[in-house]
């Protein structure tokens, strides 16, 4: 009877060691995460985005935005809420 118990205890010990081992770490990504980019077709939304400090995420602005603002000078006008 003792000879049967020893392998079982040994296997239980191995199982507990395997459960305590660290999970494998995920592989590092090859590309850095990209920043989200948006186009604003509503002047109020453009103002909110710029005032939050996220103006660098803008790709384009509406026809009604004030393009003379320094933050918006470099952005193309892409349309409005009816036409793009």
PDB file of N, CA and C in Angstrom:
ATOM      1  N   UNK A   1       0.817  -1.195   0.000  1.00  0.00           N
ATOM      2  CA  UNK A   1       0.000   0.000   0.000  1.00  0.00           C
ATOM      3  C   UNK A   1       0.862   1.260   0.000  1.00  0.00           C
ATOM      4  N   UNK A   2       1.940   1.283   0.760  1.00  0.00           N
ATOM      5  CA  UNK A   2       2.820   2.443   0.812  1.00  0.00           C
ATOM      6  C   UNK A   2       3.458   2.740  -0.531  1.00  0.00           C
ATOM      7  N   UNK A   3       3.718   1.709  -1.311  1.00  0.00           N
ATOM      8  CA  UNK A   3       4.364   1.909  -2.604  1.00  0.00           C
ATOM      9  C   UNK A   3       3.427   2.640  -3.575  1.00  0.00           C
ATOM     10  N   UNK A   4       2.133   2.497  -3.403  1.00  0.00           N
ATOM     11  CA  UNK A   4       1.176   3.192  -4.269  1.00  0.00           C
ATOM     12  C   UNK A   4       0.995   4.646  -3.845  1.00  0.00           C
ATOM     13  N   UNK A   5       1.152   4.940  -2.597  1.00  0.00           N
ATOM     14  CA  UNK A   5       0.925   6.291  -2.091  1.00  0.00           C
ATOM     15  C   UNK A   5       2.070   7.209  -2.478  1.00  0.00           C
ATOM     16  N   UNK A   6       3.283   6.724  -2.497  1.00  0.00           N
ATOM     17  CA  UNK A   6       4.442   7.565  -2.808  1.00  0.00           C
ATOM     18  C   UNK A   6       4.339   8.209  -4.194  1.00  0.00           C
ATOM     19  N   UNK A   7       4.028   7.476  -5.259  1.00  0.00           N
ATOM     20  CA  UNK A   7       3.918   8.145  -6.566  1.00  0.00           C
ATOM     21  C   UNK A   7       2.784   9.170  -6.607  1.00  0.00           C
ATOM     22  N   UNK A   8       1.706   8.894  -5.885  1.00  0.00           N
ATOM     23  CA  UNK A   8       0.582   9.834  -5.880  1.00  0.00           C
ATOM     24  C   UNK A   8       0.993  11.135  -5.178  1.00  0.00           C
ATOM     25  N   UNK A   9       1.684  11.010  -4.059  1.00  0.00           N
ATOM     26  CA  UNK A   9       2.149  12.199  -3.341  1.00  0.00           C
ATOM     27  C   UNK A   9       3.154  12.958  -4.197  1.00  0.00           C
ATOM     28  N   UNK A  10       4.013  12.240  -4.891  1.00  0.00           N
ATOM     29  CA  UNK A  10       4.986  12.880  -5.770  1.00  0.00           C
ATOM     30  C   UNK A  10       4.283  13.654  -6.886  1.00  0.00           C
ATOM     31  N   UNK A  11       3.263  13.051  -7.501  1.00  0.00           N
ATOM     32  CA  UNK A  11       2.530  13.723  -8.568  1.00  0.00           C
ATOM     33  C   UNK A  11       1.769  14.942  -8.047  1.00  0.00           C
ATOM     34  N   UNK A  12       1.208  14.857  -6.844  1.00  0.00           N
ATOM     35  CA  UNK A  12       0.518  16.005  -6.258  1.00  0.00           C
ATOM     36  C   UNK A  12       1.493  17.160  -6.012  1.00  0.00           C
ATOM     37  N   UNK A  13       2.690  16.837  -5.592  1.00  0.00           N
ATOM     38  CA  UNK A  13       3.707  17.864  -5.385  1.00  0.00           C
ATOM     39  C   UNK A  13       4.089  18.534  -6.689  1.00  0.00           C
ATOM     40  N   UNK A  14       4.224  17.760  -7.761  1.00  0.00           N
ATOM     41  CA  UNK A  14       4.546  18.335  -9.068  1.00  0.00           C
ATOM     42  C   UNK A  14       3.422  19.243  -9.566  1.00  0.00           C
ATOM     43  N   UNK A  15       2.185  18.815  -9.345  1.00  0.00           N
ATOM     44  CA  UNK A  15       1.043  19.638  -9.775  1.00  0.00           C
ATOM     45  C   UNK A  15       1.017  20.964  -9.025  1.00  0.00           C
ATOM     46  N   UNK A  16       1.319  20.943  -7.736  1.00  0.00           N
ATOM     47  CA  UNK A  16       1.304  22.191  -6.978  1.00  0.00           C
ATOM     48  C   UNK A  16       2.430  23.110  -7.419  1.00  0.00           C
ATOM     49  N   UNK A  17       3.575  22.558  -7.793  1.00  0.00           N
ATOM     50  CA  UNK A  17       4.675  23.371  -8.304  1.00  0.00           C
ATOM     51  C   UNK A  17       4.323  23.997  -9.648  1.00  0.00           C
ATOM     52  N   UNK A  18       3.652  23.235 -10.503  1.00  0.00           N
ATOM     53  CA  UNK A  18       3.262  23.759 -11.814  1.00  0.00           C
ATOM     54  C   UNK A  18       2.223  24.860 -11.665  1.00  0.00           C
ATOM     55  N   UNK A  19       1.329  24.722 -10.696  1.00  0.00           N
ATOM     56  CA  UNK A  19       0.292  25.745 -10.492  1.00  0.00           C
ATOM     57  C   UNK A  19       0.891  27.028  -9.930  1.00  0.00           C
ATOM     58  N   UNK A  20       1.959  26.923  -9.181  1.00  0.00           N
ATOM     59  CA  UNK A  20       2.573  28.106  -8.577  1.00  0.00           C
ATOM     60  C   UNK A  20       3.508  28.834  -9.541  1.00  0.00           C
ATOM     61  N   UNK A  21       3.828  28.219 -10.668  1.00  0.00           N
ATOM     62  CA  UNK A  21       4.742  28.845 -11.628  1.00  0.00           C
ATOM     63  C   UNK A  21       4.085  30.064 -12.258  1.00  0.00           C
ATOM     64  N   UNK A  22       4.887  31.029 -12.675  1.00  0.00           N
ATOM     65  CA  UNK A  22       4.371  32.243 -13.301  1.00  0.00           C
ATOM     66  C   UNK A  22       3.792  31.922 -14.670  1.00  0.00           C
ATOM     67  N   UNK A  23       2.710  32.593 -15.043  1.00  0.00           N
ATOM     68  CA  UNK A  23       2.177  32.385 -16.391  1.00  0.00           C
ATOM     69  C   UNK A  23       3.139  32.980 -17.417  1.00  0.00           C
ATOM     70  N   UNK A  24       3.129  32.471 -18.639  1.00  0.00           N
ATOM     71  CA  UNK A  24       4.052  33.007 -19.646  1.00  0.00           C
ATOM     72  C   UNK A  24       3.708  34.455 -19.966  1.00  0.00           C
ATOM     73  N   UNK A  25       4.739  35.254 -20.186  1.00  0.00           N
ATOM     74  CA  UNK A  25       4.546  36.656 -20.519  1.00  0.00           C
ATOM     75  C   UNK A  25       4.209  36.782 -22.004  1.00  0.00           C
ATOM     76  N   UNK A  26       3.316  37.720 -22.357  1.00  0.00           N
ATOM     77  CA  UNK A  26       3.000  37.872 -23.777  1.00  0.00           C
ATOM     78  C   UNK A  26       4.195  38.424 -24.546  1.00  0.00           C
ATOM     79  N   UNK A  27       4.263  38.049 -25.795  1.00  0.00           N
ATOM     80  CA  UNK A  27       5.358  38.517 -26.648  1.00  0.00           C
ATOM     81  C   UNK A  27       5.225  40.017 -26.865  1.00  0.00           C
ATOM     82  N   UNK A  28       6.329  40.750 -26.895  1.00  0.00           N
ATOM     83  CA  UNK A  28       6.234  42.200 -27.125  1.00  0.00           C
ATOM     84  C   UNK A  28       5.719  42.482 -28.527  1.00  0.00           C
ATOM     85  N   UNK A  29       4.950  43.551 -28.663  1.00  0.00           N
ATOM     86  CA  UNK A  29       4.429  43.914 -29.974  1.00  0.00           C
ATOM     87  C   UNK A  29       5.545  44.511 -30.821  1.00  0.00           C
ATOM     88  N   UNK A  30       5.447  44.325 -32.101  1.00  0.00           N
ATOM     89  CA  UNK A  30       6.487  44.825 -32.993  1.00  0.00           C
ATOM     90  C   UNK A  30       6.243  46.275 -33.371  1.00  0.00           C
ATOM     91  N   UNK A  31       4.972  46.732 -33.300  1.00  0.00           N
ATOM     92  CA  UNK A  31       4.666  48.107 -33.651  1.00  0.00           C
ATOM     93  C   UNK A  31       4.274  48.886 -32.403  1.00  0.00           C
ATOM     94  N   UNK A  32       4.736  50.110 -32.281  1.00  0.00           N
ATOM     95  CA  UNK A  32       4.287  50.927 -31.149  1.00  0.00           C
ATOM     96  C   UNK A  32       2.825  51.304 -31.357  1.00  0.00           C
ATOM     97  N   UNK A  33       2.079  51.495 -30.279  1.00  0.00           N
ATOM     98  CA  UNK A  33       0.684  51.875 -30.438  1.00  0.00           C
ATOM     99  C   UNK A  33       0.578  53.238 -31.124  1.00  0.00           C
ATOM    100  N   UNK A  34      -0.374  53.352 -32.021  1.00  0.00           N
ATOM    101  CA  UNK A  34      -0.557  54.608 -32.741  1.00  0.00           C
ATOM    102  C   UNK A  34      -1.572  55.478 -32.016  1.00  0.00           C
ATOM    103  N   UNK A  35      -1.435  56.767 -32.169  1.00  0.00           N
ATOM    104  CA  UNK A  35      -2.358  57.682 -31.518  1.00  0.00           C
ATOM    105  C   UNK A  35      -3.650  57.738 -32.323  1.00  0.00           C
ATOM    106  N   UNK A  36      -4.795  57.922 -31.654  1.00  0.00           N
ATOM    107  CA  UNK A  36      -6.051  58.038 -32.389  1.00  0.00           C
ATOM    108  C   UNK A  36      -6.101  59.355 -33.157  1.00  0.00           C
ATOM    109  N   UNK A  37      -6.619  59.308 -34.359  1.00  0.00           N
ATOM    110  CA  UNK A  37      -6.731  60.486 -35.196  1.00  0.00           C
ATOM    111  C   UNK A  37      -8.198  60.714 -35.535  1.00  0.00           C
ATOM    112  N   UNK A  38      -8.643  61.965 -35.524  1.00  0.00           N
ATOM    113  CA  UNK A  38     -10.044  62.288 -35.774  1.00  0.00           C
ATOM    114  C   UNK A  38     -10.161  63.456 -36.740  1.00  0.00           C
ATOM    115  N   UNK A  39     -11.307  63.511 -37.413  1.00  0.00           N
ATOM    116  CA  UNK A  39     -11.673  64.660 -38.230  1.00  0.00           C
ATOM    117  C   UNK A  39     -12.929  65.248 -37.607  1.00  0.00           C
ATOM    118  N   UNK A  40     -12.934  66.537 -37.375  1.00  0.00           N
ATOM    119  CA  UNK A  40     -14.064  67.191 -36.725  1.00  0.00           C
ATOM    120  C   UNK A  40     -14.891  67.956 -37.751  1.00  0.00           C
ATOM    121  N   UNK A  41     -16.185  67.621 -37.841  1.00  0.00           N
ATOM    122  CA  UNK A  41     -17.083  68.302 -38.761  1.00  0.00           C
ATOM    123  C   UNK A  41     -17.999  69.282 -38.049  1.00  0.00           C
ATOM    124  N   UNK A  42     -17.787  69.482 -36.760  1.00  0.00           N
ATOM    125  CA  UNK A  42     -18.600  70.399 -35.960  1.00  0.00           C
ATOM    126  C   UNK A  42     -17.652  71.369 -35.256  1.00  0.00           C
ATOM    127  N   UNK A  43     -17.798  72.662 -35.480  1.00  0.00           N
ATOM    128  CA  UNK A  43     -16.885  73.630 -34.860  1.00  0.00           C
ATOM    129  C   UNK A  43     -16.839  73.528 -33.333  1.00  0.00           C
ATOM    130  N   UNK A  44     -17.967  73.248 -32.694  1.00  0.00           N
ATOM    131  CA  UNK A  44     -17.960  73.131 -31.233  1.00  0.00           C
ATOM    132  C   UNK A  44     -17.116  71.933 -30.795  1.00  0.00           C
ATOM    133  N   UNK A  45     -17.169  70.851 -31.553  1.00  0.00           N
ATOM    134  CA  UNK A  45     -16.354  69.669 -31.225  1.00  0.00           C
ATOM    135  C   UNK A  45     -14.870  69.983 -31.427  1.00  0.00           C
ATOM    136  N   UNK A  46     -14.566  70.738 -32.470  1.00  0.00           N
ATOM    137  CA  UNK A  46     -13.179  71.140 -32.706  1.00  0.00           C
ATOM    138  C   UNK A  46     -12.665  71.968 -31.538  1.00  0.00           C
ATOM    139  N   UNK A  47     -13.481  72.912 -31.071  1.00  0.00           N
ATOM    140  CA  UNK A  47     -13.088  73.737 -29.924  1.00  0.00           C
ATOM    141  C   UNK A  47     -12.841  72.881 -28.684  1.00  0.00           C
ATOM    142  N   UNK A  48     -13.709  71.898 -28.464  1.00  0.00           N
ATOM    143  CA  UNK A  48     -13.523  71.016 -27.309  1.00  0.00           C
ATOM    144  C   UNK A  48     -12.233  70.212 -27.414  1.00  0.00           C
ATOM    145  N   UNK A  49     -11.968  69.685 -28.593  1.00  0.00           N
ATOM    146  CA  UNK A  49     -10.755  68.873 -28.792  1.00  0.00           C
ATOM    147  C   UNK A  49      -9.504  69.715 -28.558  1.00  0.00           C
ATOM    148  N   UNK A  50      -9.488  70.921 -29.109  1.00  0.00           N
ATOM    149  CA  UNK A  50      -8.324  71.802 -28.947  1.00  0.00           C
ATOM    150  C   UNK A  50      -8.182  72.232 -27.492  1.00  0.00           C
ATOM    151  N   UNK A  51      -9.315  72.574 -26.839  1.00  0.00           N
ATOM    152  CA  UNK A  51      -9.228  73.041 -25.448  1.00  0.00           C
ATOM    153  C   UNK A  51      -8.815  71.924 -24.490  1.00  0.00           C
ATOM    154  N   UNK A  52      -9.042  70.664 -24.853  1.00  0.00           N
ATOM    155  CA  UNK A  52      -8.590  69.538 -24.028  1.00  0.00           C
ATOM    156  C   UNK A  52      -7.112  69.250 -24.220  1.00  0.00           C
ATOM    157  N   UNK A  53      -6.497  69.928 -25.170  1.00  0.00           N
ATOM    158  CA  UNK A  53      -5.079  69.699 -25.428  1.00  0.00           C
ATOM    159  C   UNK A  53      -4.833  68.537 -26.363  1.00  0.00           C
ATOM    160  N   UNK A  54      -5.856  68.145 -27.112  1.00  0.00           N
ATOM    161  CA  UNK A  54      -5.722  67.006 -28.020  1.00  0.00           C
ATOM    162  C   UNK A  54      -5.729  67.450 -29.481  1.00  0.00           C
ATOM    163  N   UNK A  55      -5.343  68.681 -29.744  1.00  0.00           N
ATOM    164  CA  UNK A  55      -5.345  69.202 -31.107  1.00  0.00           C
ATOM    165  C   UNK A  55      -4.433  68.436 -32.049  1.00  0.00           C
ATOM    166  N   UNK A  56      -3.410  67.789 -31.521  1.00  0.00           N
ATOM    167  CA  UNK A  56      -2.501  67.019 -32.387  1.00  0.00           C
ATOM    168  C   UNK A  56      -3.158  65.764 -32.954  1.00  0.00           C
ATOM    169  N   UNK A  57      -4.335  65.416 -32.462  1.00  0.00           N
ATOM    170  CA  UNK A  57      -5.061  64.249 -32.959  1.00  0.00           C
ATOM    171  C   UNK A  57      -5.976  64.593 -34.139  1.00  0.00           C
ATOM    172  N   UNK A  58      -6.130  65.869 -34.444  1.00  0.00           N
ATOM    173  CA  UNK A  58      -7.014  66.286 -35.531  1.00  0.00           C
ATOM    174  C   UNK A  58      -6.370  66.086 -36.898  1.00  0.00           C
ATOM    175  N   UNK A  59      -7.153  65.537 -37.828  1.00  0.00           N
ATOM    176  CA  UNK A  59      -6.710  65.380 -39.218  1.00  0.00           C
ATOM    177  C   UNK A  59      -7.289  66.450 -40.130  1.00  0.00           C
ATOM    178  N   UNK A  60      -8.521  66.897 -39.808  1.00  0.00           N
ATOM    179  CA  UNK A  60      -9.189  67.885 -40.637  1.00  0.00           C
ATOM    180  C   UNK A  60     -10.284  68.570 -39.842  1.00  0.00           C
ATOM    181  N   UNK A  61     -10.736  69.717 -40.369  1.00  0.00           N
ATOM    182  CA  UNK A  61     -11.768  70.491 -39.679  1.00  0.00           C
ATOM    183  C   UNK A  61     -12.901  70.801 -40.651  1.00  0.00           C
ATOM    184  N   UNK A  62     -14.008  71.316 -40.113  1.00  0.00           N
ATOM    185  CA  UNK A  62     -15.165  71.623 -40.951  1.00  0.00           C
ATOM    186  C   UNK A  62     -14.965  72.930 -41.707  1.00  0.00           C
ATOM    187  N   UNK A  63     -15.837  73.159 -42.677  1.00  0.00           N
ATOM    188  CA  UNK A  63     -15.790  74.400 -43.457  1.00  0.00           C
ATOM    189  C   UNK A  63     -16.107  75.615 -42.593  1.00  0.00           C
ATOM    190  N   UNK A  64     -16.783  75.425 -41.483  1.00  0.00           N
ATOM    191  CA  UNK A  64     -17.207  76.531 -40.635  1.00  0.00           C
ATOM    192  C   UNK A  64     -16.222  76.848 -39.511  1.00  0.00           C
ATOM    193  N   UNK A  65     -15.181  76.078 -39.367  1.00  0.00           N
ATOM    194  CA  UNK A  65     -14.181  76.356 -38.331  1.00  0.00           C
ATOM    195  C   UNK A  65     -13.357  77.586 -38.708  1.00  0.00           C
ATOM    196  N   UNK A  66     -12.890  78.278 -37.703  1.00  0.00           N
ATOM    197  CA  UNK A  66     -12.048  79.450 -37.887  1.00  0.00           C
ATOM    198  C   UNK A  66     -10.608  78.979 -38.129  1.00  0.00           C
ATOM    199  N   UNK A  67     -10.225  78.920 -39.394  1.00  0.00           N
ATOM    200  CA  UNK A  67      -8.904  78.398 -39.756  1.00  0.00           C
ATOM    201  C   UNK A  67      -7.792  79.403 -39.501  1.00  0.00           C
ATOM    202  N   UNK A  68      -8.131  80.608 -39.050  1.00  0.00           N
ATOM    203  CA  UNK A  68      -7.078  81.576 -38.758  1.00  0.00           C
ATOM    204  C   UNK A  68      -6.458  81.328 -37.385  1.00  0.00           C
ATOM    205  N   UNK A  69      -7.091  80.458 -36.585  1.00  0.00           N
ATOM    206  CA  UNK A  69      -6.513  80.112 -35.277  1.00  0.00           C
ATOM    207  C   UNK A  69      -5.204  79.369 -35.497  1.00  0.00           C
ATOM    208  N   UNK A  70      -4.190  79.665 -34.706  1.00  0.00           N
ATOM    209  CA  UNK A  70      -2.879  79.022 -34.908  1.00  0.00           C
ATOM    210  C   UNK A  70      -2.935  77.496 -34.802  1.00  0.00           C
ATOM    211  N   UNK A  71      -3.811  76.959 -33.949  1.00  0.00           N
ATOM    212  CA  UNK A  71      -3.876  75.507 -33.783  1.00  0.00           C
ATOM    213  C   UNK A  71      -4.477  74.815 -34.997  1.00  0.00           C
ATOM    214  N   UNK A  72      -5.227  75.566 -35.817  1.00  0.00           N
ATOM    215  CA  UNK A  72      -5.963  74.961 -36.925  1.00  0.00           C
ATOM    216  C   UNK A  72      -5.433  75.355 -38.297  1.00  0.00           C
ATOM    217  N   UNK A  73      -4.436  76.211 -38.366  1.00  0.00           N
ATOM    218  CA  UNK A  73      -3.938  76.715 -39.650  1.00  0.00           C
ATOM    219  C   UNK A  73      -3.442  75.606 -40.577  1.00  0.00           C
ATOM    220  N   UNK A  74      -2.824  74.603 -40.024  1.00  0.00           N
ATOM    221  CA  UNK A  74      -2.210  73.549 -40.845  1.00  0.00           C
ATOM    222  C   UNK A  74      -3.199  72.468 -41.278  1.00  0.00           C
ATOM    223  N   UNK A  75      -4.441  72.527 -40.784  1.00  0.00           N
ATOM    224  CA  UNK A  75      -5.420  71.466 -41.057  1.00  0.00           C
ATOM    225  C   UNK A  75      -6.276  71.782 -42.278  1.00  0.00           C
ATOM    226  N   UNK A  76      -6.557  70.784 -43.114  1.00  0.00           N
ATOM    227  CA  UNK A  76      -7.418  71.022 -44.273  1.00  0.00           C
ATOM    228  C   UNK A  76      -8.885  71.094 -43.856  1.00  0.00           C
ATOM    229  N   UNK A  77      -9.658  71.869 -44.613  1.00  0.00           N
ATOM    230  CA  UNK A  77     -11.110  71.907 -44.414  1.00  0.00           C
ATOM    231  C   UNK A  77     -11.686  70.758 -45.237  1.00  0.00           C
ATOM    232  N   UNK A  78     -12.439  69.881 -44.586  1.00  0.00           N
ATOM    233  CA  UNK A  78     -12.885  68.655 -45.257  1.00  0.00           C
ATOM    234  C   UNK A  78     -14.384  68.603 -45.507  1.00  0.00           C
ATOM    235  N   UNK A  79     -15.131  69.614 -45.100  1.00  0.00           N
ATOM    236  CA  UNK A  79     -16.566  69.616 -45.331  1.00  0.00           C
ATOM    237  C   UNK A  79     -17.322  70.106 -44.120  1.00  0.00           C
ATOM    238  N   UNK A  80     -18.609  69.755 -44.085  1.00  0.00           N
ATOM    239  CA  UNK A  80     -19.445  70.105 -42.945  1.00  0.00           C
ATOM    240  C   UNK A  80     -20.381  68.949 -42.646  1.00  0.00           C
ATOM    241  N   UNK A  81     -21.420  69.207 -41.867  1.00  0.00           N
ATOM    242  CA  UNK A  81     -22.284  68.110 -41.446  1.00  0.00           C
ATOM    243  C   UNK A  81     -23.139  67.557 -42.575  1.00  0.00           C
ATOM    244  N   UNK A  82     -23.263  68.277 -43.704  1.00  0.00           N
ATOM    245  CA  UNK A  82     -24.067  67.793 -44.830  1.00  0.00           C
ATOM    246  C   UNK A  82     -23.210  67.213 -45.964  1.00  0.00           C
ATOM    247  N   UNK A  83     -22.055  67.773 -46.187  1.00  0.00           N
ATOM    248  CA  UNK A  83     -21.211  67.306 -47.284  1.00  0.00           C
ATOM    249  C   UNK A  83     -19.781  67.104 -46.803  1.00  0.00           C
ATOM    250  N   UNK A  84     -19.185  66.047 -47.275  1.00  0.00           N
ATOM    251  CA  UNK A  84     -17.796  65.759 -46.910  1.00  0.00           C
ATOM    252  C   UNK A  84     -16.966  65.694 -48.179  1.00  0.00           C
TER     253      UNK A  84
END
